[in-house]
Amino acid sequence: MLSIFLKAKLHNLTITSAELNYQGSMTLDPDFMEAVGMVEFEKILIANLENGNRFETYAIAGERGSRVCCLNGATAHKGAVGDRVIVFSFCMLNDSEIANHKPRIAIFGAENEMLRESRI
């Protein structure tokens, strides 16, 4: 049997832009994604700390070093520039993998500066 567990979390990112006329997804700085092991086109869940919205989409890589966190397409209606969000990804583990699993977490401060990375 497989169970679903937290794989990675980008905590306290600030939305830097929103592009309604786009096919969909969330654009993220590749440095953010690599810090926690997220990959392009991976399914993600976003929780908006400002308004409580939760929504799913997929991650796409933006410009490295840009500190971008952009809502694209319909997701642009779920938040505003300046809103703080948490971005989650999940994995499926079998019983033998659960005991050794540790999610990768990155915590962000002002202007999407990565403050620290950890495994919990």
PDB file of N, CA and C in Angstrom:
ATOM      1  N   MET A   1       0.846  -1.172   0.000  1.00  0.00           N
ATOM      2  CA  MET A   1       0.000   0.000   0.000  1.00  0.00           C
ATOM      3  C   MET A   1       0.895   1.241   0.000  1.00  0.00           C
ATOM      4  N   LEU A   2       0.453   2.268  -0.705  1.00  0.00           N
ATOM      5  CA  LEU A   2       1.149   3.549  -0.732  1.00  0.00           C
ATOM      6  C   LEU A   2       0.352   4.576   0.049  1.00  0.00           C
ATOM      7  N   SER A   3       1.075   5.446   0.760  1.00  0.00           N
ATOM      8  CA  SER A   3       0.463   6.550   1.497  1.00  0.00           C
ATOM      9  C   SER A   3       1.075   7.854   1.006  1.00  0.00           C
ATOM     10  N   ILE A   4       0.324   8.941   1.085  1.00  0.00           N
ATOM     11  CA  ILE A   4       0.784  10.246   0.598  1.00  0.00           C
ATOM     12  C   ILE A   4       1.380  11.037   1.759  1.00  0.00           C
ATOM     13  N   PHE A   5       2.601  11.574   1.533  1.00  0.00           N
ATOM     14  CA  PHE A   5       3.326  12.333   2.543  1.00  0.00           C
ATOM     15  C   PHE A   5       3.850  13.636   1.956  1.00  0.00           C
ATOM     16  N   LEU A   6       4.089  14.613   2.837  1.00  0.00           N
ATOM     17  CA  LEU A   6       4.719  15.859   2.425  1.00  0.00           C
ATOM     18  C   LEU A   6       6.114  15.549   1.906  1.00  0.00           C
ATOM     19  N   LYS A   7       6.420  16.027   0.712  1.00  0.00           N
ATOM     20  CA  LYS A   7       7.751  15.875   0.124  1.00  0.00           C
ATOM     21  C   LYS A   7       8.577  17.135   0.355  1.00  0.00           C
ATOM     22  N   ALA A   8       7.948  18.304   0.078  1.00  0.00           N
ATOM     23  CA  ALA A   8       8.696  19.557   0.128  1.00  0.00           C
ATOM     24  C   ALA A   8       7.751  20.713   0.441  1.00  0.00           C
ATOM     25  N   LYS A   9       8.337  21.773   1.027  1.00  0.00           N
ATOM     26  CA  LYS A   9       7.543  22.957   1.347  1.00  0.00           C
ATOM     27  C   LYS A   9       8.395  24.207   1.179  1.00  0.00           C
ATOM     28  N   LEU A  10       7.825  25.195   0.481  1.00  0.00           N
ATOM     29  CA  LEU A  10       8.394  26.534   0.390  1.00  0.00           C
ATOM     30  C   LEU A  10       7.503  27.403   1.269  1.00  0.00           C
ATOM     31  N   HIS A  11       8.006  27.807   2.430  1.00  0.00           N
ATOM     32  CA  HIS A  11       7.188  28.466   3.445  1.00  0.00           C
ATOM     33  C   HIS A  11       7.389  29.973   3.450  1.00  0.00           C
ATOM     34  N   ASN A  12       6.300  30.709   3.318  1.00  0.00           N
ATOM     35  CA  ASN A  12       6.287  32.167   3.444  1.00  0.00           C
ATOM     36  C   ASN A  12       6.839  32.893   2.222  1.00  0.00           C
ATOM     37  N   LEU A  13       6.656  32.307   1.027  1.00  0.00           N
ATOM     38  CA  LEU A  13       7.006  33.024  -0.195  1.00  0.00           C
ATOM     39  C   LEU A  13       6.046  34.184  -0.398  1.00  0.00           C
ATOM     40  N   THR A  14       6.512  35.228  -1.030  1.00  0.00           N
ATOM     41  CA  THR A  14       5.669  36.366  -1.377  1.00  0.00           C
ATOM     42  C   THR A  14       5.408  36.340  -2.876  1.00  0.00           C
ATOM     43  N   ILE A  15       4.131  36.479  -3.257  1.00  0.00           N
ATOM     44  CA  ILE A  15       3.778  36.539  -4.675  1.00  0.00           C
ATOM     45  C   ILE A  15       4.361  37.809  -5.269  1.00  0.00           C
ATOM     46  N   THR A  16       5.147  37.647  -6.333  1.00  0.00           N
ATOM     47  CA  THR A  16       5.811  38.786  -6.967  1.00  0.00           C
ATOM     48  C   THR A  16       5.074  39.293  -8.193  1.00  0.00           C
ATOM     49  N   SER A  17       4.231  38.438  -8.799  1.00  0.00           N
ATOM     50  CA  SER A  17       3.468  38.846  -9.978  1.00  0.00           C
ATOM     51  C   SER A  17       2.327  37.874 -10.210  1.00  0.00           C
ATOM     52  N   ALA A  18       1.398  38.309 -11.060  1.00  0.00           N
ATOM     53  CA  ALA A  18       0.265  37.477 -11.441  1.00  0.00           C
ATOM     54  C   ALA A  18      -0.031  37.759 -12.913  1.00  0.00           C
ATOM     55  N   GLU A  19      -0.071  36.699 -13.718  1.00  0.00           N
ATOM     56  CA  GLU A  19      -0.268  36.819 -15.164  1.00  0.00           C
ATOM     57  C   GLU A  19      -1.526  36.060 -15.562  1.00  0.00           C
ATOM     58  N   LEU A  20      -2.644  36.754 -15.673  1.00  0.00           N
ATOM     59  CA  LEU A  20      -3.913  36.122 -16.008  1.00  0.00           C
ATOM     60  C   LEU A  20      -3.887  35.486 -17.398  1.00  0.00           C
ATOM     61  N   ASN A  21      -3.291  36.147 -18.365  1.00  0.00           N
ATOM     62  CA  ASN A  21      -3.284  35.651 -19.748  1.00  0.00           C
ATOM     63  C   ASN A  21      -2.122  34.697 -19.985  1.00  0.00           C
ATOM     64  N   TYR A  22      -2.166  33.594 -19.275  1.00  0.00           N
ATOM     65  CA  TYR A  22      -1.142  32.553 -19.372  1.00  0.00           C
ATOM     66  C   TYR A  22      -1.860  31.231 -19.230  1.00  0.00           C
ATOM     67  N   GLN A  23      -1.274  30.152 -19.719  1.00  0.00           N
ATOM     68  CA  GLN A  23      -1.957  28.862 -19.737  1.00  0.00           C
ATOM     69  C   GLN A  23      -2.188  28.261 -18.356  1.00  0.00           C
ATOM     70  N   GLY A  24      -1.447  28.644 -17.372  1.00  0.00           N
ATOM     71  CA  GLY A  24      -1.634  28.105 -16.031  1.00  0.00           C
ATOM     72  C   GLY A  24      -0.320  27.818 -15.355  1.00  0.00           C
ATOM     73  N   SER A  25      -0.357  27.545 -14.085  1.00  0.00           N
ATOM     74  CA  SER A  25       0.803  27.132 -13.294  1.00  0.00           C
ATOM     75  C   SER A  25       1.273  28.224 -12.339  1.00  0.00           C
ATOM     76  N   MET A  26       2.373  27.929 -11.647  1.00  0.00           N
ATOM     77  CA  MET A  26       3.047  28.901 -10.793  1.00  0.00           C
ATOM     78  C   MET A  26       4.512  28.920 -11.209  1.00  0.00           C
ATOM     79  N   THR A  27       5.005  30.091 -11.537  1.00  0.00           N
ATOM     80  CA  THR A  27       6.415  30.248 -11.894  1.00  0.00           C
ATOM     81  C   THR A  27       7.213  30.472 -10.619  1.00  0.00           C
ATOM     82  N   LEU A  28       8.282  29.678 -10.456  1.00  0.00           N
ATOM     83  CA  LEU A  28       9.144  29.775  -9.277  1.00  0.00           C
ATOM     84  C   LEU A  28      10.595  29.886  -9.697  1.00  0.00           C
ATOM     85  N   ASP A  29      11.376  30.589  -8.917  1.00  0.00           N
ATOM     86  CA  ASP A  29      12.820  30.653  -9.112  1.00  0.00           C
ATOM     87  C   ASP A  29      13.374  29.232  -9.005  1.00  0.00           C
ATOM     88  N   PRO A  30      14.151  28.763  -9.981  1.00  0.00           N
ATOM     89  CA  PRO A  30      14.716  27.406  -9.910  1.00  0.00           C
ATOM     90  C   PRO A  30      15.545  27.170  -8.650  1.00  0.00           C
ATOM     91  N   ASP A  31      16.132  28.218  -8.091  1.00  0.00           N
ATOM     92  CA  ASP A  31      16.888  28.061  -6.843  1.00  0.00           C
ATOM     93  C   ASP A  31      15.968  27.591  -5.718  1.00  0.00           C
ATOM     94  N   PHE A  32      14.738  28.115  -5.685  1.00  0.00           N
ATOM     95  CA  PHE A  32      13.770  27.699  -4.673  1.00  0.00           C
ATOM     96  C   PHE A  32      13.424  26.225  -4.855  1.00  0.00           C
ATOM     97  N   MET A  33      13.129  25.867  -6.110  1.00  0.00           N
ATOM     98  CA  MET A  33      12.711  24.494  -6.411  1.00  0.00           C
ATOM     99  C   MET A  33      13.821  23.498  -6.064  1.00  0.00           C
ATOM    100  N   GLU A  34      15.032  23.799  -6.455  1.00  0.00           N
ATOM    101  CA  GLU A  34      16.155  22.896  -6.199  1.00  0.00           C
ATOM    102  C   GLU A  34      16.446  22.760  -4.704  1.00  0.00           C
ATOM    103  N   ALA A  35      16.222  23.821  -3.950  1.00  0.00           N
ATOM    104  CA  ALA A  35      16.504  23.784  -2.514  1.00  0.00           C
ATOM    105  C   ALA A  35      15.696  22.706  -1.803  1.00  0.00           C
ATOM    106  N   VAL A  36      14.492  22.415  -2.326  1.00  0.00           N
ATOM    107  CA  VAL A  36      13.626  21.429  -1.677  1.00  0.00           C
ATOM    108  C   VAL A  36      13.349  20.203  -2.538  1.00  0.00           C
ATOM    109  N   GLY A  37      13.969  20.132  -3.702  1.00  0.00           N
ATOM    110  CA  GLY A  37      13.800  18.963  -4.559  1.00  0.00           C
ATOM    111  C   GLY A  37      12.545  18.963  -5.415  1.00  0.00           C
ATOM    112  N   MET A  38      11.940  20.126  -5.635  1.00  0.00           N
ATOM    113  CA  MET A  38      10.808  20.211  -6.561  1.00  0.00           C
ATOM    114  C   MET A  38      11.334  20.237  -7.982  1.00  0.00           C
ATOM    115  N   VAL A  39      10.558  19.704  -8.910  1.00  0.00           N
ATOM    116  CA  VAL A  39      10.964  19.715 -10.313  1.00  0.00           C
ATOM    117  C   VAL A  39       9.879  20.373 -11.168  1.00  0.00           C
ATOM    118  N   GLU A  40      10.297  20.849 -12.320  1.00  0.00           N
ATOM    119  CA  GLU A  40       9.364  21.509 -13.219  1.00  0.00           C
ATOM    120  C   GLU A  40       8.234  20.560 -13.608  1.00  0.00           C
ATOM    121  N   PHE A  41       7.039  21.082 -13.640  1.00  0.00           N
ATOM    122  CA  PHE A  41       5.789  20.397 -13.985  1.00  0.00           C
ATOM    123  C   PHE A  41       5.276  19.490 -12.869  1.00  0.00           C
ATOM    124  N   GLU A  42       5.908  19.529 -11.706  1.00  0.00           N
ATOM    125  CA  GLU A  42       5.422  18.771 -10.551  1.00  0.00           C
ATOM    126  C   GLU A  42       4.142  19.412 -10.017  1.00  0.00           C
ATOM    127  N   LYS A  43       3.192  18.573  -9.622  1.00  0.00           N
ATOM    128  CA  LYS A  43       1.947  19.058  -9.022  1.00  0.00           C
ATOM    129  C   LYS A  43       2.258  19.688  -7.670  1.00  0.00           C
ATOM    130  N   ILE A  44       1.667  20.864  -7.426  1.00  0.00           N
ATOM    131  CA  ILE A  44       1.864  21.559  -6.158  1.00  0.00           C
ATOM    132  C   ILE A  44       0.510  22.026  -5.605  1.00  0.00           C
ATOM    133  N   LEU A  45       0.496  22.200  -4.306  1.00  0.00           N
ATOM    134  CA  LEU A  45      -0.641  22.778  -3.597  1.00  0.00           C
ATOM    135  C   LEU A  45      -0.163  24.092  -3.009  1.00  0.00           C
ATOM    136  N   ILE A  46      -0.955  25.148  -3.186  1.00  0.00           N
ATOM    137  CA  ILE A  46      -0.592  26.457  -2.663  1.00  0.00           C
ATOM    138  C   ILE A  46      -1.624  26.877  -1.628  1.00  0.00           C
ATOM    139  N   ALA A  47      -1.162  27.375  -0.494  1.00  0.00           N
ATOM    140  CA  ALA A  47      -2.033  27.924   0.539  1.00  0.00           C
ATOM    141  C   ALA A  47      -1.690  29.402   0.681  1.00  0.00           C
ATOM    142  N   ASN A  48      -2.680  30.259   0.463  1.00  0.00           N
ATOM    143  CA  ASN A  48      -2.480  31.694   0.567  1.00  0.00           C
ATOM    144  C   ASN A  48      -2.725  32.119   2.013  1.00  0.00           C
ATOM    145  N   LEU A  49      -1.684  32.627   2.669  1.00  0.00           N
ATOM    146  CA  LEU A  49      -1.780  33.015   4.076  1.00  0.00           C
ATOM    147  C   LEU A  49      -2.632  34.258   4.294  1.00  0.00           C
ATOM    148  N   GLU A  50      -2.858  35.029   3.255  1.00  0.00           N
ATOM    149  CA  GLU A  50      -3.607  36.285   3.400  1.00  0.00           C
ATOM    150  C   GLU A  50      -5.118  36.075   3.315  1.00  0.00           C
ATOM    151  N   ASN A  51      -5.560  35.161   2.451  1.00  0.00           N
ATOM    152  CA  ASN A  51      -7.005  35.028   2.235  1.00  0.00           C
ATOM    153  C   ASN A  51      -7.530  33.605   2.464  1.00  0.00           C
ATOM    154  N   GLY A  52      -6.642  32.669   2.774  1.00  0.00           N
ATOM    155  CA  GLY A  52      -7.070  31.309   3.063  1.00  0.00           C
ATOM    156  C   GLY A  52      -7.298  30.439   1.842  1.00  0.00           C
ATOM    157  N   ASN A  53      -7.179  30.985   0.638  1.00  0.00           N
ATOM    158  CA  ASN A  53      -7.355  30.173  -0.563  1.00  0.00           C
ATOM    159  C   ASN A  53      -6.329  29.051  -0.616  1.00  0.00           C
ATOM    160  N   ARG A  54      -6.787  27.881  -1.040  1.00  0.00           N
ATOM    161  CA  ARG A  54      -5.904  26.738  -1.300  1.00  0.00           C
ATOM    162  C   ARG A  54      -6.227  26.258  -2.698  1.00  0.00           C
ATOM    163  N   PHE A  55      -5.184  26.005  -3.510  1.00  0.00           N
ATOM    164  CA  PHE A  55      -5.423  25.582  -4.891  1.00  0.00           C
ATOM    165  C   PHE A  55      -4.245  24.766  -5.389  1.00  0.00           C
ATOM    166  N   GLU A  56      -4.525  23.946  -6.392  1.00  0.00           N
ATOM    167  CA  GLU A  56      -3.505  23.085  -6.985  1.00  0.00           C
ATOM    168  C   GLU A  56      -3.167  23.569  -8.382  1.00  0.00           C
ATOM    169  N   THR A  57      -1.921  23.386  -8.744  1.00  0.00           N
ATOM    170  CA  THR A  57      -1.454  23.650 -10.097  1.00  0.00           C
ATOM    171  C   THR A  57      -0.143  22.886 -10.265  1.00  0.00           C
ATOM    172  N   TYR A  58       0.720  23.340 -11.137  1.00  0.00           N
ATOM    173  CA  TYR A  58       2.031  22.715 -11.302  1.00  0.00           C
ATOM    174  C   TYR A  58       3.096  23.806 -11.352  1.00  0.00           C
ATOM    175  N   ALA A  59       4.310  23.422 -11.012  1.00  0.00           N
ATOM    176  CA  ALA A  59       5.423  24.372 -10.950  1.00  0.00           C
ATOM    177  C   ALA A  59       6.122  24.478 -12.301  1.00  0.00           C
ATOM    178  N   ILE A  60       6.484  25.694 -12.676  1.00  0.00           N
ATOM    179  CA  ILE A  60       7.372  25.888 -13.818  1.00  0.00           C
ATOM    180  C   ILE A  60       8.529  26.770 -13.365  1.00  0.00           C
ATOM    181  N   ALA A  61       9.666  26.546 -13.978  1.00  0.00           N
ATOM    182  CA  ALA A  61      10.876  27.277 -13.601  1.00  0.00           C
ATOM    183  C   ALA A  61      10.919  28.631 -14.292  1.00  0.00           C
ATOM    184  N   GLY A  62      11.188  29.657 -13.494  1.00  0.00           N
ATOM    185  CA  GLY A  62      11.385  30.997 -14.021  1.00  0.00           C
ATOM    186  C   GLY A  62      12.872  31.272 -14.181  1.00  0.00           C
ATOM    187  N   GLU A  63      13.224  32.525 -14.119  1.00  0.00           N
ATOM    188  CA  GLU A  63      14.615  32.937 -14.249  1.00  0.00           C
ATOM    189  C   GLU A  63      15.353  32.694 -12.934  1.00  0.00           C
ATOM    190  N   ARG A  64      16.494  32.010 -13.040  1.00  0.00           N
ATOM    191  CA  ARG A  64      17.305  31.716 -11.856  1.00  0.00           C
ATOM    192  C   ARG A  64      17.783  33.014 -11.200  1.00  0.00           C
ATOM    193  N   GLY A  65      17.633  33.071  -9.884  1.00  0.00           N
ATOM    194  CA  GLY A  65      18.069  34.235  -9.128  1.00  0.00           C
ATOM    195  C   GLY A  65      17.066  35.374  -9.086  1.00  0.00           C
ATOM    196  N   SER A  66      15.930  35.212  -9.745  1.00  0.00           N
ATOM    197  CA  SER A  66      14.940  36.284  -9.834  1.00  0.00           C
ATOM    198  C   SER A  66      14.060  36.401  -8.594  1.00  0.00           C
ATOM    199  N   ARG A  67      14.040  35.345  -7.768  1.00  0.00           N
ATOM    200  CA  ARG A  67      13.167  35.261  -6.586  1.00  0.00           C
ATOM    201  C   ARG A  67      11.685  35.359  -6.960  1.00  0.00           C
ATOM    202  N   VAL A  68      11.363  34.930  -8.170  1.00  0.00           N
ATOM    203  CA  VAL A  68       9.993  35.007  -8.676  1.00  0.00           C
ATOM    204  C   VAL A  68       9.083  33.977  -8.017  1.00  0.00           C
ATOM    205  N   CYS A  69       7.856  34.404  -7.783  1.00  0.00           N
ATOM    206  CA  CYS A  69       6.752  33.546  -7.352  1.00  0.00           C
ATOM    207  C   CYS A  69       5.526  34.136  -8.027  1.00  0.00           C
ATOM    208  N   CYS A  70       5.183  33.613  -9.203  1.00  0.00           N
ATOM    209  CA  CYS A  70       4.155  34.215 -10.049  1.00  0.00           C
ATOM    210  C   CYS A  70       2.970  33.282 -10.227  1.00  0.00           C
ATOM    211  N   LEU A  71       1.774  33.798  -9.993  1.00  0.00           N
ATOM    212  CA  LEU A  71       0.544  33.071 -10.259  1.00  0.00           C
ATOM    213  C   LEU A  71       0.181  33.274 -11.727  1.00  0.00           C
ATOM    214  N   ASN A  72      -0.038  32.170 -12.436  1.00  0.00           N
ATOM    215  CA  ASN A  72      -0.341  32.238 -13.866  1.00  0.00           C
ATOM    216  C   ASN A  72      -1.731  31.698 -14.160  1.00  0.00           C
ATOM    217  N   GLY A  73      -2.375  32.269 -15.176  1.00  0.00           N
ATOM    218  CA  GLY A  73      -3.685  31.793 -15.609  1.00  0.00           C
ATOM    219  C   GLY A  73      -4.729  31.983 -14.531  1.00  0.00           C
ATOM    220  N   ALA A  74      -5.612  31.000 -14.397  1.00  0.00           N
ATOM    221  CA  ALA A  74      -6.719  31.099 -13.440  1.00  0.00           C
ATOM    222  C   ALA A  74      -6.236  31.280 -12.006  1.00  0.00           C
ATOM    223  N   THR A  75      -5.032  30.770 -11.686  1.00  0.00           N
ATOM    224  CA  THR A  75      -4.530  30.921 -10.317  1.00  0.00           C
ATOM    225  C   THR A  75      -4.291  32.391  -9.951  1.00  0.00           C
ATOM    226  N   ALA A  76      -4.185  33.262 -10.966  1.00  0.00           N
ATOM    227  CA  ALA A  76      -3.984  34.688 -10.702  1.00  0.00           C
ATOM    228  C   ALA A  76      -5.154  35.285  -9.923  1.00  0.00           C
ATOM    229  N   HIS A  77      -6.310  34.620  -9.958  1.00  0.00           N
ATOM    230  CA  HIS A  77      -7.471  35.083  -9.198  1.00  0.00           C
ATOM    231  C   HIS A  77      -7.415  34.661  -7.734  1.00  0.00           C
ATOM    232  N   LYS A  78      -6.465  33.799  -7.376  1.00  0.00           N
ATOM    233  CA  LYS A  78      -6.402  33.234  -6.027  1.00  0.00           C
ATOM    234  C   LYS A  78      -5.497  34.012  -5.080  1.00  0.00           C
ATOM    235  N   GLY A  79      -4.825  35.024  -5.590  1.00  0.00           N
ATOM    236  CA  GLY A  79      -3.937  35.809  -4.749  1.00  0.00           C
ATOM    237  C   GLY A  79      -3.570  37.109  -5.425  1.00  0.00           C
ATOM    238  N   ALA A  80      -2.866  37.942  -4.697  1.00  0.00           N
ATOM    239  CA  ALA A  80      -2.438  39.242  -5.207  1.00  0.00           C
ATOM    240  C   ALA A  80      -0.951  39.423  -4.933  1.00  0.00           C
ATOM    241  N   VAL A  81      -0.334  40.267  -5.736  1.00  0.00           N
ATOM    242  CA  VAL A  81       1.071  40.599  -5.504  1.00  0.00           C
ATOM    243  C   VAL A  81       1.212  41.077  -4.060  1.00  0.00           C
ATOM    244  N   GLY A  82       2.190  40.523  -3.362  1.00  0.00           N
ATOM    245  CA  GLY A  82       2.415  40.858  -1.961  1.00  0.00           C
ATOM    246  C   GLY A  82       1.852  39.841  -0.986  1.00  0.00           C
ATOM    247  N   ASP A  83       0.914  39.001  -1.445  1.00  0.00           N
ATOM    248  CA  ASP A  83       0.385  37.950  -0.568  1.00  0.00           C
ATOM    249  C   ASP A  83       1.482  36.940  -0.243  1.00  0.00           C
ATOM    250  N   ARG A  84       1.451  36.416   0.962  1.00  0.00           N
ATOM    251  CA  ARG A  84       2.375  35.358   1.362  1.00  0.00           C
ATOM    252  C   ARG A  84       1.706  34.008   1.164  1.00  0.00           C
ATOM    253  N   VAL A  85       2.468  33.047   0.657  1.00  0.00           N
ATOM    254  CA  VAL A  85       1.933  31.716   0.368  1.00  0.00           C
ATOM    255  C   VAL A  85       2.868  30.632   0.878  1.00  0.00           C
ATOM    256  N   ILE A  86       2.304  29.445   1.010  1.00  0.00           N
ATOM    257  CA  ILE A  86       3.074  28.236   1.267  1.00  0.00           C
ATOM    258  C   ILE A  86       2.854  27.324   0.070  1.00  0.00           C
ATOM    259  N   VAL A  87       3.935  26.784  -0.477  1.00  0.00           N
ATOM    260  CA  VAL A  87       3.857  25.889  -1.625  1.00  0.00           C
ATOM    261  C   VAL A  87       4.286  24.498  -1.162  1.00  0.00           C
ATOM    262  N   PHE A  88       3.417  23.515  -1.364  1.00  0.00           N
ATOM    263  CA  PHE A  88       3.660  22.139  -0.924  1.00  0.00           C
ATOM    264  C   PHE A  88       3.767  21.212  -2.130  1.00  0.00           C
ATOM    265  N   SER A  89       4.593  20.184  -2.020  1.00  0.00           N
ATOM    266  CA  SER A  89       4.522  19.051  -2.944  1.00  0.00           C
ATOM    267  C   SER A  89       4.512  17.778  -2.101  1.00  0.00           C
ATOM    268  N   PHE A  90       3.988  16.725  -2.684  1.00  0.00           N
ATOM    269  CA  PHE A  90       3.770  15.483  -1.949  1.00  0.00           C
ATOM    270  C   PHE A  90       4.368  14.313  -2.707  1.00  0.00           C
ATOM    271  N   CYS A  91       4.569  13.220  -2.011  1.00  0.00           N
ATOM    272  CA  CYS A  91       5.076  11.993  -2.626  1.00  0.00           C
ATOM    273  C   CYS A  91       4.308  10.807  -2.073  1.00  0.00           C
ATOM    274  N   MET A  92       4.376   9.709  -2.781  1.00  0.00           N
ATOM    275  CA  MET A  92       3.741   8.477  -2.325  1.00  0.00           C
ATOM    276  C   MET A  92       4.839   7.528  -1.858  1.00  0.00           C
ATOM    277  N   LEU A  93       4.674   6.998  -0.650  1.00  0.00           N
ATOM    278  CA  LEU A  93       5.675   6.122  -0.049  1.00  0.00           C
ATOM    279  C   LEU A  93       5.044   4.779   0.295  1.00  0.00           C
ATOM    280  N   ASN A  94       5.851   3.731   0.159  1.00  0.00           N
ATOM    281  CA  ASN A  94       5.375   2.440   0.648  1.00  0.00           C
ATOM    282  C   ASN A  94       5.772   2.307   2.115  1.00  0.00           C
ATOM    283  N   ASP A  95       5.255   1.297   2.780  1.00  0.00           N
ATOM    284  CA  ASP A  95       5.469   1.145   4.224  1.00  0.00           C
ATOM    285  C   ASP A  95       6.938   1.132   4.614  1.00  0.00           C
ATOM    286  N   SER A  96       7.799   0.557   3.788  1.00  0.00           N
ATOM    287  CA  SER A  96       9.217   0.462   4.139  1.00  0.00           C
ATOM    288  C   SER A  96       9.948   1.800   3.998  1.00  0.00           C
ATOM    289  N   GLU A  97       9.387   2.753   3.269  1.00  0.00           N
ATOM    290  CA  GLU A  97      10.028   4.056   3.070  1.00  0.00           C
ATOM    291  C   GLU A  97       9.637   5.089   4.128  1.00  0.00           C
ATOM    292  N   ILE A  98       8.533   4.881   4.796  1.00  0.00           N
ATOM    293  CA  ILE A  98       7.971   5.894   5.692  1.00  0.00           C
ATOM    294  C   ILE A  98       8.914   6.263   6.840  1.00  0.00           C
ATOM    295  N   ALA A  99       9.516   5.288   7.490  1.00  0.00           N
ATOM    296  CA  ALA A  99      10.329   5.549   8.686  1.00  0.00           C
ATOM    297  C   ALA A  99      11.512   6.476   8.409  1.00  0.00           C
ATOM    298  N   ASN A 100      12.065   6.433   7.210  1.00  0.00           N
ATOM    299  CA  ASN A 100      13.247   7.236   6.895  1.00  0.00           C
ATOM    300  C   ASN A 100      12.931   8.513   6.120  1.00  0.00           C
ATOM    301  N   HIS A 101      11.673   8.768   5.862  1.00  0.00           N
ATOM    302  CA  HIS A 101      11.298   9.934   5.058  1.00  0.00           C
ATOM    303  C   HIS A 101      11.382  11.222   5.872  1.00  0.00           C
ATOM    304  N   LYS A 102      12.007  12.242   5.299  1.00  0.00           N
ATOM    305  CA  LYS A 102      12.105  13.571   5.904  1.00  0.00           C
ATOM    306  C   LYS A 102      11.801  14.610   4.820  1.00  0.00           C
ATOM    307  N   PRO A 103      10.721  15.373   4.952  1.00  0.00           N
ATOM    308  CA  PRO A 103      10.428  16.418   3.972  1.00  0.00           C
ATOM    309  C   PRO A 103      11.520  17.483   3.955  1.00  0.00           C
ATOM    310  N   ARG A 104      11.680  18.120   2.811  1.00  0.00           N
ATOM    311  CA  ARG A 104      12.634  19.220   2.668  1.00  0.00           C
ATOM    312  C   ARG A 104      11.859  20.532   2.722  1.00  0.00           C
ATOM    313  N   ILE A 105      12.343  21.452   3.549  1.00  0.00           N
ATOM    314  CA  ILE A 105      11.646  22.710   3.819  1.00  0.00           C
ATOM    315  C   ILE A 105      12.595  23.881   3.567  1.00  0.00           C
ATOM    316  N   ALA A 106      12.073  24.935   2.954  1.00  0.00           N
ATOM    317  CA  ALA A 106      12.800  26.202   2.836  1.00  0.00           C
ATOM    318  C   ALA A 106      11.901  27.295   3.404  1.00  0.00           C
ATOM    319  N   ILE A 107      12.473  28.136   4.261  1.00  0.00           N
ATOM    320  CA  ILE A 107      11.760  29.235   4.910  1.00  0.00           C
ATOM    321  C   ILE A 107      12.237  30.548   4.289  1.00  0.00           C
ATOM    322  N   PHE A 108      11.279  31.427   3.986  1.00  0.00           N
ATOM    323  CA  PHE A 108      11.606  32.674   3.299  1.00  0.00           C
ATOM    324  C   PHE A 108      11.250  33.894   4.138  1.00  0.00           C
ATOM    325  N   GLY A 109      12.008  34.960   3.921  1.00  0.00           N
ATOM    326  CA  GLY A 109      11.766  36.239   4.577  1.00  0.00           C
ATOM    327  C   GLY A 109      11.376  37.286   3.552  1.00  0.00           C
ATOM    328  N   ALA A 110      11.640  38.536   3.900  1.00  0.00           N
ATOM    329  CA  ALA A 110      11.296  39.663   3.037  1.00  0.00           C
ATOM    330  C   ALA A 110      11.946  39.510   1.665  1.00  0.00           C
ATOM    331  N   GLU A 111      11.210  39.933   0.634  1.00  0.00           N
ATOM    332  CA  GLU A 111      11.688  39.921  -0.750  1.00  0.00           C
ATOM    333  C   GLU A 111      12.134  38.528  -1.194  1.00  0.00           C
ATOM    334  N   ASN A 112      11.485  37.498  -0.643  1.00  0.00           N
ATOM    335  CA  ASN A 112      11.761  36.101  -0.993  1.00  0.00           C
ATOM    336  C   ASN A 112      13.219  35.695  -0.796  1.00  0.00           C
ATOM    337  N   GLU A 113      13.809  36.243   0.244  1.00  0.00           N
ATOM    338  CA  GLU A 113      15.156  35.817   0.620  1.00  0.00           C
ATOM    339  C   GLU A 113      15.032  34.480   1.355  1.00  0.00           C
ATOM    340  N   MET A 114      15.781  33.475   0.889  1.00  0.00           N
ATOM    341  CA  MET A 114      15.748  32.179   1.542  1.00  0.00           C
ATOM    342  C   MET A 114      16.544  32.280   2.830  1.00  0.00           C
ATOM    343  N   LEU A 115      15.849  32.107   3.959  1.00  0.00           N
ATOM    344  CA  LEU A 115      16.484  32.241   5.267  1.00  0.00           C
ATOM    345  C   LEU A 115      17.167  30.965   5.714  1.00  0.00           C
ATOM    346  N   ARG A 116      16.508  29.829   5.474  1.00  0.00           N
ATOM    347  CA  ARG A 116      17.124  28.557   5.856  1.00  0.00           C
ATOM    348  C   ARG A 116      16.430  27.396   5.153  1.00  0.00           C
ATOM    349  N   GLU A 117      17.144  26.298   5.081  1.00  0.00           N
ATOM    350  CA  GLU A 117      16.634  25.049   4.540  1.00  0.00           C
ATOM    351  C   GLU A 117      16.788  23.991   5.610  1.00  0.00           C
ATOM    352  N   SER A 118      15.863  23.037   5.630  1.00  0.00           N
ATOM    353  CA  SER A 118      15.967  21.975   6.628  1.00  0.00           C
ATOM    354  C   SER A 118      15.202  20.749   6.172  1.00  0.00           C
ATOM    355  N   ARG A 119      15.383  19.702   6.903  1.00  0.00           N
ATOM    356  CA  ARG A 119      14.571  18.487   6.771  1.00  0.00           C
ATOM    357  C   ARG A 119      13.907  18.286   8.111  1.00  0.00           C
ATOM    358  N   ILE A 120      12.607  18.042   8.109  1.00  0.00           N
ATOM    359  CA  ILE A 120      11.926  17.833   9.383  1.00  0.00           C
ATOM    360  C   ILE A 120      11.560  16.369   9.551  1.00  0.00           C
TER     361      ILE A 120
END
